[in-house]
Amino acid sequence: MNAENLIMSSVYITIIGMLIVFVFLILTIWSVKAMSLLVKVLEKYFPQEVPQQKAAVGADNALVAVAIAAAKNFKVNN
């Protein structure tokens, strides 16, 4: 085999490999879109309950105060 045949063989193998990867990626994108559509359709018939959040404003302020105190303490000690 000469160098030209080896180069052409490597080009063919490269092109075939890239096409296989490209087709796999296209199939992956289509399957993800199909699953998304399926979930949207099923959501109409089987809706999920959204948990209600409590209004804990005081607790959030306490956590912010603790975080600020910890940050000041860290900065002073280091």
PDB file of N, CA and C in Angstrom:
ATOM      1  N   MET A   1       0.846  -1.186   0.000  1.00  0.00           N
ATOM      2  CA  MET A   1       0.000   0.000   0.000  1.00  0.00           C
ATOM      3  C   MET A   1       0.886   1.242   0.000  1.00  0.00           C
ATOM      4  N   ASN A   2       0.496   2.180  -0.789  1.00  0.00           N
ATOM      5  CA  ASN A   2       1.268   3.407  -0.816  1.00  0.00           C
ATOM      6  C   ASN A   2       0.632   4.448   0.116  1.00  0.00           C
ATOM      7  N   ALA A   3       1.293   5.583   0.241  1.00  0.00           N
ATOM      8  CA  ALA A   3       0.870   6.619   1.183  1.00  0.00           C
ATOM      9  C   ALA A   3      -0.482   7.213   0.786  1.00  0.00           C
ATOM     10  N   GLU A   4      -0.733   7.305  -0.522  1.00  0.00           N
ATOM     11  CA  GLU A   4      -1.996   7.892  -0.985  1.00  0.00           C
ATOM     12  C   GLU A   4      -3.182   7.025  -0.570  1.00  0.00           C
ATOM     13  N   ASN A   5      -3.053   5.718  -0.683  1.00  0.00           N
ATOM     14  CA  ASN A   5      -4.131   4.814  -0.275  1.00  0.00           C
ATOM     15  C   ASN A   5      -4.373   4.894   1.237  1.00  0.00           C
ATOM     16  N   LEU A   6      -3.301   5.002   2.011  1.00  0.00           N
ATOM     17  CA  LEU A   6      -3.448   5.104   3.460  1.00  0.00           C
ATOM     18  C   LEU A   6      -4.144   6.407   3.852  1.00  0.00           C
ATOM     19  N   ILE A   7      -3.783   7.496   3.198  1.00  0.00           N
ATOM     20  CA  ILE A   7      -4.414   8.787   3.501  1.00  0.00           C
ATOM     21  C   ILE A   7      -5.891   8.759   3.129  1.00  0.00           C
ATOM     22  N   MET A   8      -6.224   8.209   1.970  1.00  0.00           N
ATOM     23  CA  MET A   8      -7.629   8.138   1.561  1.00  0.00           C
ATOM     24  C   MET A   8      -8.429   7.232   2.504  1.00  0.00           C
ATOM     25  N   SER A   9      -7.831   6.139   2.947  1.00  0.00           N
ATOM     26  CA  SER A   9      -8.515   5.254   3.893  1.00  0.00           C
ATOM     27  C   SER A   9      -8.772   5.975   5.209  1.00  0.00           C
ATOM     28  N   SER A  10      -7.804   6.735   5.673  1.00  0.00           N
ATOM     29  CA  SER A  10      -7.997   7.463   6.925  1.00  0.00           C
ATOM     30  C   SER A  10      -9.050   8.560   6.772  1.00  0.00           C
ATOM     31  N   VAL A  11      -9.104   9.199   5.605  1.00  0.00           N
ATOM     32  CA  VAL A  11     -10.140  10.214   5.363  1.00  0.00           C
ATOM     33  C   VAL A  11     -11.517   9.563   5.351  1.00  0.00           C
ATOM     34  N   TYR A  12     -11.654   8.416   4.710  1.00  0.00           N
ATOM     35  CA  TYR A  12     -12.941   7.721   4.678  1.00  0.00           C
ATOM     36  C   TYR A  12     -13.375   7.299   6.079  1.00  0.00           C
ATOM     37  N   ILE A  13     -12.443   6.764   6.853  1.00  0.00           N
ATOM     38  CA  ILE A  13     -12.774   6.338   8.219  1.00  0.00           C
ATOM     39  C   ILE A  13     -13.171   7.545   9.073  1.00  0.00           C
ATOM     40  N   THR A  14     -12.481   8.662   8.900  1.00  0.00           N
ATOM     41  CA  THR A  14     -12.812   9.876   9.643  1.00  0.00           C
ATOM     42  C   THR A  14     -14.201  10.372   9.287  1.00  0.00           C
ATOM     43  N   ILE A  15     -14.514  10.401   8.015  1.00  0.00           N
ATOM     44  CA  ILE A  15     -15.833  10.876   7.570  1.00  0.00           C
ATOM     45  C   ILE A  15     -16.936   9.950   8.086  1.00  0.00           C
ATOM     46  N   ILE A  16     -16.724   8.649   8.004  1.00  0.00           N
ATOM     47  CA  ILE A  16     -17.727   7.695   8.498  1.00  0.00           C
ATOM     48  C   ILE A  16     -17.923   7.869  10.003  1.00  0.00           C
ATOM     49  N   GLY A  17     -16.853   8.034  10.755  1.00  0.00           N
ATOM     50  CA  GLY A  17     -16.960   8.235  12.200  1.00  0.00           C
ATOM     51  C   GLY A  17     -17.701   9.511  12.546  1.00  0.00           C
ATOM     52  N   MET A  18     -17.410  10.586  11.830  1.00  0.00           N
ATOM     53  CA  MET A  18     -18.091  11.861  12.087  1.00  0.00           C
ATOM     54  C   MET A  18     -19.575  11.759  11.738  1.00  0.00           C
ATOM     55  N   LEU A  19     -19.910  11.056  10.666  1.00  0.00           N
ATOM     56  CA  LEU A  19     -21.319  10.879  10.305  1.00  0.00           C
ATOM     57  C   LEU A  19     -22.061  10.050  11.350  1.00  0.00           C
ATOM     58  N   ILE A  20     -21.409   9.033  11.887  1.00  0.00           N
ATOM     59  CA  ILE A  20     -22.046   8.218  12.923  1.00  0.00           C
ATOM     60  C   ILE A  20     -22.329   9.067  14.166  1.00  0.00           C
ATOM     61  N   VAL A  21     -21.360   9.876  14.573  1.00  0.00           N
ATOM     62  CA  VAL A  21     -21.556  10.747  15.731  1.00  0.00           C
ATOM     63  C   VAL A  21     -22.659  11.759  15.454  1.00  0.00           C
ATOM     64  N   PHE A  22     -22.676  12.346  14.270  1.00  0.00           N
ATOM     65  CA  PHE A  22     -23.697  13.325  13.907  1.00  0.00           C
ATOM     66  C   PHE A  22     -25.088  12.704  13.948  1.00  0.00           C
ATOM     67  N   VAL A  23     -25.242  11.523  13.384  1.00  0.00           N
ATOM     68  CA  VAL A  23     -26.550  10.839  13.400  1.00  0.00           C
ATOM     69  C   VAL A  23     -26.958  10.519  14.834  1.00  0.00           C
ATOM     70  N   PHE A  24     -26.031  10.068  15.659  1.00  0.00           N
ATOM     71  CA  PHE A  24     -26.338   9.774  17.055  1.00  0.00           C
ATOM     72  C   PHE A  24     -26.801  11.031  17.782  1.00  0.00           C
ATOM     73  N   LEU A  25     -26.136  12.168  17.548  1.00  0.00           N
ATOM     74  CA  LEU A  25     -26.545  13.413  18.202  1.00  0.00           C
ATOM     75  C   LEU A  25     -27.927  13.859  17.734  1.00  0.00           C
ATOM     76  N   ILE A  26     -28.221  13.717  16.462  1.00  0.00           N
ATOM     77  CA  ILE A  26     -29.548  14.072  15.951  1.00  0.00           C
ATOM     78  C   ILE A  26     -30.607  13.179  16.587  1.00  0.00           C
ATOM     79  N   LEU A  27     -30.342  11.887  16.681  1.00  0.00           N
ATOM     80  CA  LEU A  27     -31.295  10.978  17.320  1.00  0.00           C
ATOM     81  C   LEU A  27     -31.486  11.320  18.793  1.00  0.00           C
ATOM     82  N   THR A  28     -30.427  11.721  19.461  1.00  0.00           N
ATOM     83  CA  THR A  28     -30.524  12.116  20.866  1.00  0.00           C
ATOM     84  C   THR A  28     -31.391  13.353  21.024  1.00  0.00           C
ATOM     85  N   ILE A  29     -31.191  14.339  20.163  1.00  0.00           N
ATOM     86  CA  ILE A  29     -31.997  15.565  20.221  1.00  0.00           C
ATOM     87  C   ILE A  29     -33.461  15.245  19.960  1.00  0.00           C
ATOM     88  N   TRP A  30     -33.745  14.424  18.966  1.00  0.00           N
ATOM     89  CA  TRP A  30     -35.139  14.061  18.673  1.00  0.00           C
ATOM     90  C   TRP A  30     -35.777  13.310  19.830  1.00  0.00           C
ATOM     91  N   SER A  31     -35.030  12.402  20.457  1.00  0.00           N
ATOM     92  CA  SER A  31     -35.616  11.643  21.560  1.00  0.00           C
ATOM     93  C   SER A  31     -35.882  12.542  22.765  1.00  0.00           C
ATOM     94  N   VAL A  32     -35.008  13.520  23.032  1.00  0.00           N
ATOM     95  CA  VAL A  32     -35.242  14.447  24.139  1.00  0.00           C
ATOM     96  C   VAL A  32     -36.465  15.308  23.854  1.00  0.00           C
ATOM     97  N   LYS A  33     -36.624  15.770  22.621  1.00  0.00           N
ATOM     98  CA  LYS A  33     -37.800  16.567  22.265  1.00  0.00           C
ATOM     99  C   LYS A  33     -39.071  15.729  22.350  1.00  0.00           C
ATOM    100  N   ALA A  34     -38.997  14.470  21.941  1.00  0.00           N
ATOM    101  CA  ALA A  34     -40.164  13.588  22.026  1.00  0.00           C
ATOM    102  C   ALA A  34     -40.545  13.346  23.478  1.00  0.00           C
ATOM    103  N   MET A  35     -39.563  13.143  24.349  1.00  0.00           N
ATOM    104  CA  MET A  35     -39.856  12.952  25.765  1.00  0.00           C
ATOM    105  C   MET A  35     -40.449  14.214  26.376  1.00  0.00           C
ATOM    106  N   SER A  36     -39.979  15.372  25.961  1.00  0.00           N
ATOM    107  CA  SER A  36     -40.531  16.631  26.450  1.00  0.00           C
ATOM    108  C   SER A  36     -41.993  16.771  26.037  1.00  0.00           C
ATOM    109  N   LEU A  37     -42.286  16.434  24.798  1.00  0.00           N
ATOM    110  CA  LEU A  37     -43.668  16.486  24.324  1.00  0.00           C
ATOM    111  C   LEU A  37     -44.536  15.490  25.081  1.00  0.00           C
ATOM    112  N   LEU A  38     -44.014  14.303  25.334  1.00  0.00           N
ATOM    113  CA  LEU A  38     -44.751  13.292  26.080  1.00  0.00           C
ATOM    114  C   LEU A  38     -45.050  13.766  27.495  1.00  0.00           C
ATOM    115  N   VAL A  39     -44.087  14.398  28.138  1.00  0.00           N
ATOM    116  CA  VAL A  39     -44.301  14.905  29.497  1.00  0.00           C
ATOM    117  C   VAL A  39     -45.359  15.997  29.491  1.00  0.00           C
ATOM    118  N   LYS A  40     -45.332  16.888  28.499  1.00  0.00           N
ATOM    119  CA  LYS A  40     -46.348  17.941  28.415  1.00  0.00           C
ATOM    120  C   LYS A  40     -47.737  17.351  28.241  1.00  0.00           C
ATOM    121  N   VAL A  41     -47.867  16.325  27.416  1.00  0.00           N
ATOM    122  CA  VAL A  41     -49.172  15.691  27.199  1.00  0.00           C
ATOM    123  C   VAL A  41     -49.631  14.997  28.475  1.00  0.00           C
ATOM    124  N   LEU A  42     -48.738  14.271  29.129  1.00  0.00           N
ATOM    125  CA  LEU A  42     -49.105  13.571  30.354  1.00  0.00           C
ATOM    126  C   LEU A  42     -49.411  14.536  31.491  1.00  0.00           C
ATOM    127  N   GLU A  43     -48.785  15.707  31.488  1.00  0.00           N
ATOM    128  CA  GLU A  43     -49.041  16.706  32.531  1.00  0.00           C
ATOM    129  C   GLU A  43     -50.478  17.209  32.478  1.00  0.00           C
ATOM    130  N   LYS A  44     -51.085  17.214  31.301  1.00  0.00           N
ATOM    131  CA  LYS A  44     -52.489  17.637  31.176  1.00  0.00           C
ATOM    132  C   LYS A  44     -53.410  16.641  31.872  1.00  0.00           C
ATOM    133  N   TYR A  45     -53.099  15.348  31.769  1.00  0.00           N
ATOM    134  CA  TYR A  45     -53.969  14.315  32.325  1.00  0.00           C
ATOM    135  C   TYR A  45     -53.612  13.967  33.772  1.00  0.00           C
ATOM    136  N   PHE A  46     -52.351  14.129  34.134  1.00  0.00           N
ATOM    137  CA  PHE A  46     -51.896  13.800  35.481  1.00  0.00           C
ATOM    138  C   PHE A  46     -51.112  14.980  36.049  1.00  0.00           C
ATOM    139  N   PRO A  47     -51.801  16.063  36.418  1.00  0.00           N
ATOM    140  CA  PRO A  47     -51.067  17.246  36.920  1.00  0.00           C
ATOM    141  C   PRO A  47     -50.441  16.969  38.282  1.00  0.00           C
ATOM    142  N   GLN A  48     -49.316  17.595  38.513  1.00  0.00           N
ATOM    143  CA  GLN A  48     -48.628  17.452  39.792  1.00  0.00           C
ATOM    144  C   GLN A  48     -49.024  18.605  40.699  1.00  0.00           C
ATOM    145  N   GLU A  49     -49.125  18.297  41.995  1.00  0.00           N
ATOM    146  CA  GLU A  49     -49.445  19.333  42.955  1.00  0.00           C
ATOM    147  C   GLU A  49     -48.180  20.122  43.274  1.00  0.00           C
ATOM    148  N   VAL A  50     -48.320  21.436  43.316  1.00  0.00           N
ATOM    149  CA  VAL A  50     -47.198  22.296  43.641  1.00  0.00           C
ATOM    150  C   VAL A  50     -47.259  22.564  45.142  1.00  0.00           C
ATOM    151  N   PRO A  51     -46.201  22.242  45.881  1.00  0.00           N
ATOM    152  CA  PRO A  51     -46.237  22.479  47.325  1.00  0.00           C
ATOM    153  C   PRO A  51     -46.258  23.972  47.634  1.00  0.00           C
ATOM    154  N   GLN A  52     -47.088  24.337  48.588  1.00  0.00           N
ATOM    155  CA  GLN A  52     -47.201  25.736  48.981  1.00  0.00           C
ATOM    156  C   GLN A  52     -46.101  26.071  49.973  1.00  0.00           C
ATOM    157  N   GLN A  53     -45.476  27.221  49.782  1.00  0.00           N
ATOM    158  CA  GLN A  53     -44.413  27.637  50.683  1.00  0.00           C
ATOM    159  C   GLN A  53     -45.000  28.471  51.807  1.00  0.00           C
ATOM    160  N   LYS A  54     -44.448  28.285  52.997  1.00  0.00           N
ATOM    161  CA  LYS A  54     -44.878  29.064  54.147  1.00  0.00           C
ATOM    162  C   LYS A  54     -44.258  30.455  54.073  1.00  0.00           C
ATOM    163  N   ALA A  55     -44.956  31.399  54.618  1.00  0.00           N
ATOM    164  CA  ALA A  55     -44.424  32.753  54.690  1.00  0.00           C
ATOM    165  C   ALA A  55     -43.593  32.867  55.958  1.00  0.00           C
ATOM    166  N   ALA A  56     -42.314  32.580  55.849  1.00  0.00           N
ATOM    167  CA  ALA A  56     -41.408  32.598  57.000  1.00  0.00           C
ATOM    168  C   ALA A  56     -40.406  33.726  56.818  1.00  0.00           C
ATOM    169  N   VAL A  57     -40.907  34.943  56.822  1.00  0.00           N
ATOM    170  CA  VAL A  57     -40.037  36.096  56.602  1.00  0.00           C
ATOM    171  C   VAL A  57     -39.099  36.289  57.782  1.00  0.00           C
ATOM    172  N   GLY A  58     -39.597  36.088  58.972  1.00  0.00           N
ATOM    173  CA  GLY A  58     -38.762  36.261  60.162  1.00  0.00           C
ATOM    174  C   GLY A  58     -37.613  35.273  60.195  1.00  0.00           C
ATOM    175  N   ALA A  59     -37.867  34.045  59.795  1.00  0.00           N
ATOM    176  CA  ALA A  59     -36.822  33.035  59.788  1.00  0.00           C
ATOM    177  C   ALA A  59     -35.748  33.375  58.759  1.00  0.00           C
ATOM    178  N   ASP A  60     -36.168  33.919  57.615  1.00  0.00           N
ATOM    179  CA  ASP A  60     -35.192  34.313  56.600  1.00  0.00           C
ATOM    180  C   ASP A  60     -34.308  35.439  57.109  1.00  0.00           C
ATOM    181  N   ASN A  61     -34.894  36.405  57.819  1.00  0.00           N
ATOM    182  CA  ASN A  61     -34.094  37.505  58.363  1.00  0.00           C
ATOM    183  C   ASN A  61     -33.113  36.996  59.405  1.00  0.00           C
ATOM    184  N   ALA A  62     -33.529  36.013  60.192  1.00  0.00           N
ATOM    185  CA  ALA A  62     -32.630  35.450  61.195  1.00  0.00           C
ATOM    186  C   ALA A  62     -31.465  34.734  60.522  1.00  0.00           C
ATOM    187  N   LEU A  63     -31.732  34.011  59.447  1.00  0.00           N
ATOM    188  CA  LEU A  63     -30.659  33.327  58.724  1.00  0.00           C
ATOM    189  C   LEU A  63     -29.696  34.322  58.087  1.00  0.00           C
ATOM    190  N   VAL A  64     -30.210  35.421  57.572  1.00  0.00           N
ATOM    191  CA  VAL A  64     -29.353  36.456  56.991  1.00  0.00           C
ATOM    192  C   VAL A  64     -28.470  37.059  58.066  1.00  0.00           C
ATOM    193  N   ALA A  65     -29.030  37.306  59.245  1.00  0.00           N
ATOM    194  CA  ALA A  65     -28.239  37.869  60.342  1.00  0.00           C
ATOM    195  C   ALA A  65     -27.141  36.907  60.769  1.00  0.00           C
ATOM    196  N   VAL A  66     -27.453  35.619  60.833  1.00  0.00           N
ATOM    197  CA  VAL A  66     -26.440  34.627  61.196  1.00  0.00           C
ATOM    198  C   VAL A  66     -25.343  34.576  60.141  1.00  0.00           C
ATOM    199  N   ALA A  67     -25.705  34.645  58.879  1.00  0.00           N
ATOM    200  CA  ALA A  67     -24.714  34.608  57.803  1.00  0.00           C
ATOM    201  C   ALA A  67     -23.810  35.836  57.848  1.00  0.00           C
ATOM    202  N   ILE A  68     -24.376  37.004  58.127  1.00  0.00           N
ATOM    203  CA  ILE A  68     -23.568  38.225  58.213  1.00  0.00           C
ATOM    204  C   ILE A  68     -22.613  38.139  59.395  1.00  0.00           C
ATOM    205  N   ALA A  69     -23.108  37.664  60.537  1.00  0.00           N
ATOM    206  CA  ALA A  69     -22.248  37.543  61.712  1.00  0.00           C
ATOM    207  C   ALA A  69     -21.119  36.552  61.455  1.00  0.00           C
ATOM    208  N   ALA A  70     -21.416  35.450  60.793  1.00  0.00           N
ATOM    209  CA  ALA A  70     -20.387  34.467  60.490  1.00  0.00           C
ATOM    210  C   ALA A  70     -19.345  35.041  59.530  1.00  0.00           C
ATOM    211  N   ALA A  71     -19.791  35.820  58.554  1.00  0.00           N
ATOM    212  CA  ALA A  71     -18.851  36.419  57.604  1.00  0.00           C
ATOM    213  C   ALA A  71     -17.951  37.439  58.290  1.00  0.00           C
ATOM    214  N   LYS A  72     -18.525  38.258  59.184  1.00  0.00           N
ATOM    215  CA  LYS A  72     -17.706  39.233  59.911  1.00  0.00           C
ATOM    216  C   LYS A  72     -16.709  38.525  60.822  1.00  0.00           C
ATOM    217  N   ASN A  73     -17.147  37.467  61.484  1.00  0.00           N
ATOM    218  CA  ASN A  73     -16.267  36.716  62.362  1.00  0.00           C
ATOM    219  C   ASN A  73     -15.145  36.058  61.557  1.00  0.00           C
ATOM    220  N   PHE A  74     -15.433  35.546  60.408  1.00  0.00           N
ATOM    221  CA  PHE A  74     -14.426  34.919  59.560  1.00  0.00           C
ATOM    222  C   PHE A  74     -13.398  35.944  59.092  1.00  0.00           C
ATOM    223  N   LYS A  75     -13.865  37.138  58.722  1.00  0.00           N
ATOM    224  CA  LYS A  75     -12.977  38.163  58.224  1.00  0.00           C
ATOM    225  C   LYS A  75     -12.070  38.683  59.327  1.00  0.00           C
ATOM    226  N   VAL A  76     -12.584  38.818  60.524  1.00  0.00           N
ATOM    227  CA  VAL A  76     -11.795  39.335  61.628  1.00  0.00           C
ATOM    228  C   VAL A  76     -10.726  38.344  62.028  1.00  0.00           C
ATOM    229  N   ASN A  77     -11.073  37.057  62.078  1.00  0.00           N
ATOM    230  CA  ASN A  77     -10.122  36.043  62.522  1.00  0.00           C
ATOM    231  C   ASN A  77      -9.078  35.722  61.473  1.00  0.00           C
ATOM    232  N   ASN A  78      -9.364  35.919  60.225  1.00  0.00           N
ATOM    233  CA  ASN A  78      -8.407  35.575  59.168  1.00  0.00           C
ATOM    234  C   ASN A  78      -7.784  36.792  58.648  1.00  0.00           C
TER     235      ASN A  78
END
